[in-house]
């Protein structure tokens, strides 16, 4: 007659340990898997939050790739060439004015009684010389100012794309029709731009008028009637391009 023998305590404990170990291993794997999923979800959520953050113009990486419109670029190149030529012409005019000052500046002499009578007869010539000296000094200052304003304009034109990278100009019919206003729309400071441009062209034109008046004055006081007439007519004819600025 067979009898049932109780399970061995060692075998039972081993089975229990094996079962507990498998359960513990499964729990550990589940815990690690859940942590990895949570970390991945947190990473994706952080990336989405960063993508949804508003960007400022200073943080925009595409600003360095900004280029101004083709029409504005053409106007910029033309104005830069004009400023270079104006600076060269103004330097030439300033050299002429400085030479005129050296030639016309009278030497310092002591007046004697014998010179009083002759001085009264040369009053008109002295007045003309004084006028020429005044025009020479005024022309020298104007042309030096033209050179300086040309330098400032060329410097700003060289940085034109950089200064206008964050500007969103509001273009109107009047701004598109005028090259000066169109360039001002893409400038960082429209007011400063207009002041510099106005000063540059004003001093350049004034310097041209002063040196023309100098030449005519010198001809009137030192040459005969025929030369005076021909020189005056020629000067008036040469003023035609200057008059076009009023039209």
C-alpha atoms as a PDB file:
ATOM      1  CA  UNK A   1       0.000   0.000   0.000  1.00  0.00           C
ATOM      2  CA  UNK A   2       1.577   3.167  -1.090  1.00  0.00           C
ATOM      3  CA  UNK A   3       1.768   6.257   1.107  1.00  0.00           C
ATOM      4  CA  UNK A   4       1.964   9.865   0.098  1.00  0.00           C
ATOM      5  CA  UNK A   5       5.142  11.454   1.259  1.00  0.00           C
ATOM      6  CA  UNK A   6       5.064  15.183   2.128  1.00  0.00           C
ATOM      7  CA  UNK A   7       6.912  17.547  -0.151  1.00  0.00           C
ATOM      8  CA  UNK A   8      10.470  18.134   0.731  1.00  0.00           C
ATOM      9  CA  UNK A   9      11.016  21.470   2.530  1.00  0.00           C
ATOM     10  CA  UNK A  10      14.106  22.133   0.493  1.00  0.00           C
ATOM     11  CA  UNK A  11      12.298  21.560  -2.785  1.00  0.00           C
ATOM     12  CA  UNK A  12       9.367  23.733  -1.689  1.00  0.00           C
ATOM     13  CA  UNK A  13      11.612  26.589  -0.628  1.00  0.00           C
ATOM     14  CA  UNK A  14      13.504  26.320  -3.891  1.00  0.00           C
ATOM     15  CA  UNK A  15      10.280  26.504  -5.870  1.00  0.00           C
ATOM     16  CA  UNK A  16       9.099  29.456  -3.838  1.00  0.00           C
ATOM     17  CA  UNK A  17      12.424  31.232  -4.327  1.00  0.00           C
ATOM     18  CA  UNK A  18      12.311  30.562  -8.055  1.00  0.00           C
ATOM     19  CA  UNK A  19       8.795  31.893  -8.317  1.00  0.00           C
ATOM     20  CA  UNK A  20       9.629  34.971  -6.248  1.00  0.00           C
ATOM     21  CA  UNK A  21      12.770  35.577  -8.309  1.00  0.00           C
ATOM     22  CA  UNK A  22      10.834  35.451 -11.552  1.00  0.00           C
ATOM     23  CA  UNK A  23       8.231  37.809 -10.147  1.00  0.00           C
ATOM     24  CA  UNK A  24      10.915  40.174  -8.875  1.00  0.00           C
ATOM     25  CA  UNK A  25      12.740  40.088 -12.213  1.00  0.00           C
ATOM     26  CA  UNK A  26       9.513  40.791 -14.082  1.00  0.00           C
ATOM     27  CA  UNK A  27       8.702  43.657 -11.730  1.00  0.00           C
ATOM     28  CA  UNK A  28      12.194  45.115 -12.171  1.00  0.00           C
ATOM     29  CA  UNK A  29      12.000  44.893 -15.960  1.00  0.00           C
ATOM     30  CA  UNK A  30       8.572  46.526 -15.907  1.00  0.00           C
ATOM     31  CA  UNK A  31       9.879  49.270 -13.637  1.00  0.00           C
ATOM     32  CA  UNK A  32      12.864  49.987 -15.941  1.00  0.00           C
ATOM     33  CA  UNK A  33      10.657  49.897 -19.033  1.00  0.00           C
ATOM     34  CA  UNK A  34       8.206  52.320 -17.455  1.00  0.00           C
ATOM     35  CA  UNK A  35      11.028  54.695 -16.455  1.00  0.00           C
ATOM     36  CA  UNK A  36      12.446  54.660 -19.985  1.00  0.00           C
ATOM     37  CA  UNK A  37       9.026  55.430 -21.452  1.00  0.00           C
ATOM     38  CA  UNK A  38       8.507  58.276 -19.015  1.00  0.00           C
ATOM     39  CA  UNK A  39      11.976  59.704 -19.796  1.00  0.00           C
ATOM     40  CA  UNK A  40      11.312  59.487 -23.535  1.00  0.00           C
ATOM     41  CA  UNK A  41       7.916  61.178 -23.164  1.00  0.00           C
ATOM     42  CA  UNK A  42       9.470  63.903 -21.001  1.00  0.00           C
ATOM     43  CA  UNK A  43      12.204  64.476 -23.613  1.00  0.00           C
ATOM     44  CA  UNK A  44       9.640  64.742 -26.414  1.00  0.00           C
ATOM     45  CA  UNK A  45       7.508  67.112 -24.352  1.00  0.00           C
ATOM     46  CA  UNK A  46      10.529  69.343 -23.631  1.00  0.00           C
ATOM     47  CA  UNK A  47      11.450  69.425 -27.326  1.00  0.00           C
ATOM     48  CA  UNK A  48       7.872  70.358 -28.241  1.00  0.00           C
ATOM     49  CA  UNK A  49       7.826  73.112 -25.602  1.00  0.00           C
ATOM     50  CA  UNK A  50      11.100  74.535 -26.910  1.00  0.00           C
ATOM     51  CA  UNK A  51       9.779  74.434 -30.466  1.00  0.00           C
ATOM     52  CA  UNK A  52       6.667  76.332 -29.393  1.00  0.00           C
ATOM     53  CA  UNK A  53       8.638  79.106 -27.636  1.00  0.00           C
ATOM     54  CA  UNK A  54       8.442  82.444 -29.497  1.00  0.00           C
ATOM     55  CA  UNK A  55      11.680  83.519 -31.130  1.00  0.00           C
ATOM     56  CA  UNK A  56      12.869  87.093 -31.171  1.00  0.00           C
ATOM     57  CA  UNK A  57      14.581  88.743 -34.190  1.00  0.00           C
ATOM     58  CA  UNK A  58      17.887  88.554 -32.320  1.00  0.00           C
ATOM     59  CA  UNK A  59      17.573  84.754 -32.025  1.00  0.00           C
ATOM     60  CA  UNK A  60      16.669  84.199 -35.680  1.00  0.00           C
ATOM     61  CA  UNK A  61      19.571  82.329 -37.366  1.00  0.00           C
ATOM     62  CA  UNK A  62      18.344  83.392 -40.815  1.00  0.00           C
ATOM     63  CA  UNK A  63      19.133  87.071 -40.208  1.00  0.00           C
ATOM     64  CA  UNK A  64      22.678  86.566 -41.470  1.00  0.00           C
ATOM     65  CA  UNK A  65      21.233  85.349 -44.771  1.00  0.00           C
ATOM     66  CA  UNK A  66      19.146  88.498 -45.241  1.00  0.00           C
ATOM     67  CA  UNK A  67      19.543  90.324 -48.552  1.00  0.00           C
ATOM     68  CA  UNK A  68      17.957  93.595 -49.571  1.00  0.00           C
ATOM     69  CA  UNK A  69      15.754  93.747 -52.690  1.00  0.00           C
ATOM     70  CA  UNK A  70      17.411  94.015 -56.080  1.00  0.00           C
ATOM     71  CA  UNK A  71      16.134  97.547 -56.734  1.00  0.00           C
ATOM     72  CA  UNK A  72      17.456  98.781 -53.386  1.00  0.00           C
ATOM     73  CA  UNK A  73      20.800  97.054 -54.005  1.00  0.00           C
ATOM     74  CA  UNK A  74      21.119  98.796 -57.394  1.00  0.00           C
ATOM     75  CA  UNK A  75      20.348 102.181 -55.843  1.00  0.00           C
ATOM     76  CA  UNK A  76      22.861 101.515 -53.076  1.00  0.00           C
ATOM     77  CA  UNK A  77      25.640 100.696 -55.529  1.00  0.00           C
ATOM     78  CA  UNK A  78      24.877 103.783 -57.616  1.00  0.00           C
ATOM     79  CA  UNK A  79      24.862 106.091 -54.600  1.00  0.00           C
ATOM     80  CA  UNK A  80      28.122 104.616 -53.329  1.00  0.00           C
ATOM     81  CA  UNK A  81      29.821 105.279 -56.669  1.00  0.00           C
ATOM     82  CA  UNK A  82      28.397 108.805 -56.655  1.00  0.00           C
ATOM     83  CA  UNK A  83      29.753 109.433 -53.149  1.00  0.00           C
ATOM     84  CA  UNK A  84      33.195 108.165 -54.165  1.00  0.00           C
ATOM     85  CA  UNK A  85      33.268 110.499 -57.169  1.00  0.00           C
ATOM     86  CA  UNK A  86      31.971 113.402 -55.068  1.00  0.00           C
ATOM     87  CA  UNK A  87      34.714 112.875 -52.490  1.00  0.00           C
ATOM     88  CA  UNK A  88      37.388 112.983 -55.219  1.00  0.00           C
ATOM     89  CA  UNK A  89      35.927 116.139 -56.789  1.00  0.00           C
ATOM     90  CA  UNK A  90      35.575 117.812 -53.391  1.00  0.00           C
ATOM     91  CA  UNK A  91      39.205 117.013 -52.580  1.00  0.00           C
ATOM     92  CA  UNK A  92      40.255 118.604 -55.882  1.00  0.00           C
ATOM     93  CA  UNK A  93      38.167 121.707 -55.155  1.00  0.00           C
ATOM     94  CA  UNK A  94      39.612 121.947 -51.637  1.00  0.00           C
ATOM     95  CA  UNK A  95      43.137 121.841 -53.088  1.00  0.00           C
ATOM     96  CA  UNK A  96      42.288 124.692 -55.473  1.00  0.00           C
ATOM     97  CA  UNK A  97      40.798 126.732 -52.628  1.00  0.00           C
ATOM     98  CA  UNK A  98      43.882 126.243 -50.478  1.00  0.00           C
ATOM     99  CA  UNK A  99      46.114 127.336 -53.364  1.00  0.00           C
ATOM    100  CA  UNK A 100      43.933 130.416 -53.903  1.00  0.00           C
ATOM    101  CA  UNK A 101      44.282 131.375 -50.247  1.00  0.00           C
ATOM    102  CA  UNK A 102      48.069 131.153 -50.469  1.00  0.00           C
ATOM    103  CA  UNK A 103      48.150 133.258 -53.651  1.00  0.00           C
ATOM    104  CA  UNK A 104      45.632 135.901 -52.546  1.00  0.00           C
ATOM    105  CA  UNK A 105      46.757 136.301 -48.951  1.00  0.00           C
ATOM    106  CA  UNK A 106      48.483 139.744 -48.883  1.00  0.00           C
ATOM    107  CA  UNK A 107      51.802 140.012 -47.070  1.00  0.00           C
ATOM    108  CA  UNK A 108      51.849 141.963 -43.817  1.00  0.00           C
ATOM    109  CA  UNK A 109      53.422 145.359 -44.481  1.00  0.00           C
ATOM    110  CA  UNK A 110      53.717 148.630 -42.609  1.00  0.00           C
ATOM    111  CA  UNK A 111      51.806 151.551 -44.147  1.00  0.00           C
ATOM    112  CA  UNK A 112      53.883 154.699 -44.792  1.00  0.00           C
ATOM    113  CA  UNK A 113      52.639 158.227 -45.667  1.00  0.00           C
ATOM    114  CA  UNK A 114      53.794 157.774 -49.275  1.00  0.00           C
ATOM    115  CA  UNK A 115      51.555 154.741 -49.640  1.00  0.00           C
ATOM    116  CA  UNK A 116      48.321 156.499 -48.587  1.00  0.00           C
ATOM    117  CA  UNK A 117      47.645 158.017 -52.023  1.00  0.00           C
ATOM    118  CA  UNK A 118      48.300 154.796 -53.894  1.00  0.00           C
ATOM    119  CA  UNK A 119      46.169 152.841 -51.424  1.00  0.00           C
ATOM    120  CA  UNK A 120      43.105 154.929 -52.212  1.00  0.00           C
ATOM    121  CA  UNK A 121      43.464 154.125 -55.917  1.00  0.00           C
ATOM    122  CA  UNK A 122      43.551 150.375 -55.306  1.00  0.00           C
ATOM    123  CA  UNK A 123      40.518 150.177 -53.027  1.00  0.00           C
ATOM    124  CA  UNK A 124      38.439 148.352 -55.634  1.00  0.00           C
ATOM    125  CA  UNK A 125      41.141 145.759 -56.209  1.00  0.00           C
ATOM    126  CA  UNK A 126      41.536 145.238 -52.467  1.00  0.00           C
ATOM    127  CA  UNK A 127      37.788 144.695 -52.072  1.00  0.00           C
ATOM    128  CA  UNK A 128      37.811 142.149 -54.882  1.00  0.00           C
ATOM    129  CA  UNK A 129      40.757 140.367 -53.280  1.00  0.00           C
ATOM    130  CA  UNK A 130      38.895 140.293 -49.962  1.00  0.00           C
ATOM    131  CA  UNK A 131      35.859 138.806 -51.706  1.00  0.00           C
ATOM    132  CA  UNK A 132      38.040 136.143 -53.302  1.00  0.00           C
ATOM    133  CA  UNK A 133      39.584 135.302 -49.934  1.00  0.00           C
ATOM    134  CA  UNK A 134      36.144 134.985 -48.341  1.00  0.00           C
ATOM    135  CA  UNK A 135      34.986 132.699 -51.127  1.00  0.00           C
ATOM    136  CA  UNK A 136      38.191 130.658 -50.816  1.00  0.00           C
ATOM    137  CA  UNK A 137      37.711 130.050 -47.090  1.00  0.00           C
ATOM    138  CA  UNK A 138      34.011 129.260 -47.512  1.00  0.00           C
ATOM    139  CA  UNK A 139      34.736 126.903 -50.398  1.00  0.00           C
ATOM    140  CA  UNK A 140      37.491 125.142 -48.449  1.00  0.00           C
ATOM    141  CA  UNK A 141      35.155 124.505 -45.510  1.00  0.00           C
ATOM    142  CA  UNK A 142      32.309 123.340 -47.759  1.00  0.00           C
ATOM    143  CA  UNK A 143      34.474 120.906 -49.692  1.00  0.00           C
ATOM    144  CA  UNK A 144      36.069 119.510 -46.545  1.00  0.00           C
ATOM    145  CA  UNK A 145      32.562 118.961 -45.171  1.00  0.00           C
ATOM    146  CA  UNK A 146      31.562 117.210 -48.402  1.00  0.00           C
ATOM    147  CA  UNK A 147      34.485 114.801 -48.054  1.00  0.00           C
ATOM    148  CA  UNK A 148      33.499 113.986 -44.476  1.00  0.00           C
ATOM    149  CA  UNK A 149      29.809 113.460 -45.280  1.00  0.00           C
ATOM    150  CA  UNK A 150      30.823 111.261 -48.240  1.00  0.00           C
ATOM    151  CA  UNK A 151      32.848 109.111 -45.860  1.00  0.00           C
ATOM    152  CA  UNK A 152      29.872 108.739 -43.496  1.00  0.00           C
ATOM    153  CA  UNK A 153      27.499 107.868 -46.327  1.00  0.00           C
ATOM    154  CA  UNK A 154      29.874 105.300 -47.836  1.00  0.00           C
ATOM    155  CA  UNK A 155      30.327 103.744 -44.397  1.00  0.00           C
ATOM    156  CA  UNK A 156      26.572 103.444 -43.880  1.00  0.00           C
ATOM    157  CA  UNK A 157      26.064 102.109 -47.401  1.00  0.00           C
ATOM    158  CA  UNK A 158      28.654  99.413 -46.733  1.00  0.00           C
ATOM    159  CA  UNK A 159      26.666  98.263 -43.671  1.00  0.00           C
ATOM    160  CA  UNK A 160      23.308  98.736 -45.356  1.00  0.00           C
ATOM    161  CA  UNK A 161      22.262  95.064 -45.375  1.00  0.00           C
ATOM    162  CA  UNK A 162      23.292  94.619 -41.744  1.00  0.00           C
ATOM    163  CA  UNK A 163      21.487  97.737 -40.522  1.00  0.00           C
ATOM    164  CA  UNK A 164      18.271  96.887 -42.377  1.00  0.00           C
ATOM    165  CA  UNK A 165      18.141  93.159 -41.542  1.00  0.00           C
ATOM    166  CA  UNK A 166      15.500  93.604 -38.845  1.00  0.00           C
ATOM    167  CA  UNK A 167      13.569  96.364 -40.563  1.00  0.00           C
ATOM    168  CA  UNK A 168      10.180  95.637 -42.090  1.00  0.00           C
ATOM    169  CA  UNK A 169       9.541  98.768 -44.137  1.00  0.00           C
ATOM    170  CA  UNK A 170       6.041  99.933 -44.917  1.00  0.00           C
ATOM    171  CA  UNK A 171       6.217 100.799 -48.594  1.00  0.00           C
ATOM    172  CA  UNK A 172       3.817 103.324 -50.052  1.00  0.00           C
ATOM    173  CA  UNK A 173       3.385 104.740 -53.528  1.00  0.00           C
ATOM    174  CA  UNK A 174       5.384 107.854 -52.610  1.00  0.00           C
ATOM    175  CA  UNK A 175       8.300 105.851 -51.188  1.00  0.00           C
ATOM    176  CA  UNK A 176       8.510 103.634 -54.270  1.00  0.00           C
ATOM    177  CA  UNK A 177       8.462 106.608 -56.640  1.00  0.00           C
ATOM    178  CA  UNK A 178      11.383 108.333 -54.887  1.00  0.00           C
ATOM    179  CA  UNK A 179      14.789 106.633 -54.781  1.00  0.00           C
ATOM    180  CA  UNK A 180      15.779 108.749 -51.786  1.00  0.00           C
ATOM    181  CA  UNK A 181      12.729 107.681 -49.769  1.00  0.00           C
ATOM    182  CA  UNK A 182      13.084 104.055 -50.815  1.00  0.00           C
ATOM    183  CA  UNK A 183      16.654 103.930 -49.499  1.00  0.00           C
ATOM    184  CA  UNK A 184      15.491 105.638 -46.326  1.00  0.00           C
ATOM    185  CA  UNK A 185      12.856 102.928 -45.785  1.00  0.00           C
ATOM    186  CA  UNK A 186      15.585 100.276 -45.584  1.00  0.00           C
ATOM    187  CA  UNK A 187      17.914 102.356 -43.404  1.00  0.00           C
ATOM    188  CA  UNK A 188      18.189 101.679 -39.681  1.00  0.00           C
ATOM    189  CA  UNK A 189      17.512 105.353 -38.912  1.00  0.00           C
ATOM    190  CA  UNK A 190      15.550 107.099 -41.638  1.00  0.00           C
ATOM    191  CA  UNK A 191      15.972 110.541 -40.068  1.00  0.00           C
ATOM    192  CA  UNK A 192      19.771 110.271 -39.781  1.00  0.00           C
ATOM    193  CA  UNK A 193      19.965 108.938 -43.333  1.00  0.00           C
ATOM    194  CA  UNK A 194      18.004 111.860 -44.794  1.00  0.00           C
ATOM    195  CA  UNK A 195      20.089 114.394 -42.833  1.00  0.00           C
ATOM    196  CA  UNK A 196      23.385 112.914 -44.071  1.00  0.00           C
ATOM    197  CA  UNK A 197      22.196 112.688 -47.665  1.00  0.00           C
ATOM    198  CA  UNK A 198      20.842 116.251 -47.649  1.00  0.00           C
ATOM    199  CA  UNK A 199      24.036 117.601 -46.073  1.00  0.00           C
ATOM    200  CA  UNK A 200      26.242 115.755 -48.569  1.00  0.00           C
ATOM    201  CA  UNK A 201      24.531 117.005 -51.716  1.00  0.00           C
ATOM    202  CA  UNK A 202      23.979 120.513 -50.318  1.00  0.00           C
ATOM    203  CA  UNK A 203      27.650 121.069 -49.487  1.00  0.00           C
ATOM    204  CA  UNK A 204      28.723 119.557 -52.816  1.00  0.00           C
ATOM    205  CA  UNK A 205      26.482 121.908 -54.810  1.00  0.00           C
ATOM    206  CA  UNK A 206      27.387 124.903 -52.663  1.00  0.00           C
ATOM    207  CA  UNK A 207      31.078 124.173 -53.186  1.00  0.00           C
ATOM    208  CA  UNK A 208      30.526 124.089 -56.953  1.00  0.00           C
ATOM    209  CA  UNK A 209      28.742 127.457 -56.837  1.00  0.00           C
ATOM    210  CA  UNK A 210      31.484 129.017 -54.709  1.00  0.00           C
ATOM    211  CA  UNK A 211      34.325 127.947 -56.985  1.00  0.00           C
ATOM    212  CA  UNK A 212      32.357 129.130 -60.047  1.00  0.00           C
ATOM    213  CA  UNK A 213      31.828 132.526 -58.400  1.00  0.00           C
ATOM    214  CA  UNK A 214      35.535 132.649 -57.576  1.00  0.00           C
ATOM    215  CA  UNK A 215      36.559 132.049 -61.172  1.00  0.00           C
ATOM    216  CA  UNK A 216      34.153 134.692 -62.493  1.00  0.00           C
ATOM    217  CA  UNK A 217      35.259 137.238 -59.891  1.00  0.00           C
ATOM    218  CA  UNK A 218      38.912 136.677 -60.728  1.00  0.00           C
ATOM    219  CA  UNK A 219      38.157 137.070 -64.463  1.00  0.00           C
ATOM    220  CA  UNK A 220      36.150 140.264 -63.906  1.00  0.00           C
ATOM    221  CA  UNK A 221      38.907 142.011 -61.959  1.00  0.00           C
ATOM    222  CA  UNK A 222      41.868 140.911 -64.050  1.00  0.00           C
ATOM    223  CA  UNK A 223      40.752 140.470 -67.676  1.00  0.00           C
ATOM    224  CA  UNK A 224      39.343 142.594 -70.471  1.00  0.00           C
ATOM    225  CA  UNK A 225      35.717 142.951 -71.528  1.00  0.00           C
ATOM    226  CA  UNK A 226      35.824 140.281 -74.256  1.00  0.00           C
ATOM    227  CA  UNK A 227      37.207 137.624 -71.913  1.00  0.00           C
ATOM    228  CA  UNK A 228      34.708 138.623 -69.231  1.00  0.00           C
ATOM    229  CA  UNK A 229      31.744 138.210 -71.606  1.00  0.00           C
ATOM    230  CA  UNK A 230      32.897 134.871 -72.984  1.00  0.00           C
ATOM    231  CA  UNK A 231      33.682 133.508 -69.514  1.00  0.00           C
ATOM    232  CA  UNK A 232      30.308 134.630 -68.146  1.00  0.00           C
ATOM    233  CA  UNK A 233      28.368 133.023 -71.006  1.00  0.00           C
ATOM    234  CA  UNK A 234      30.354 129.802 -70.611  1.00  0.00           C
ATOM    235  CA  UNK A 235      29.703 129.752 -66.861  1.00  0.00           C
ATOM    236  CA  UNK A 236      25.964 130.237 -67.396  1.00  0.00           C
ATOM    237  CA  UNK A 237      25.922 127.390 -69.912  1.00  0.00           C
ATOM    238  CA  UNK A 238      27.729 125.132 -67.439  1.00  0.00           C
ATOM    239  CA  UNK A 239      25.056 125.908 -64.835  1.00  0.00           C
ATOM    240  CA  UNK A 240      22.398 124.027 -66.822  1.00  0.00           C
ATOM    241  CA  UNK A 241      23.075 120.634 -65.117  1.00  0.00           C
ATOM    242  CA  UNK A 242      22.983 122.383 -61.756  1.00  0.00           C
ATOM    243  CA  UNK A 243      19.567 123.876 -62.532  1.00  0.00           C
ATOM    244  CA  UNK A 244      18.076 120.443 -63.174  1.00  0.00           C
ATOM    245  CA  UNK A 245      17.946 119.766 -59.421  1.00  0.00           C
ATOM    246  CA  UNK A 246      14.980 122.129 -59.188  1.00  0.00           C
ATOM    247  CA  UNK A 247      12.904 120.132 -61.688  1.00  0.00           C
END
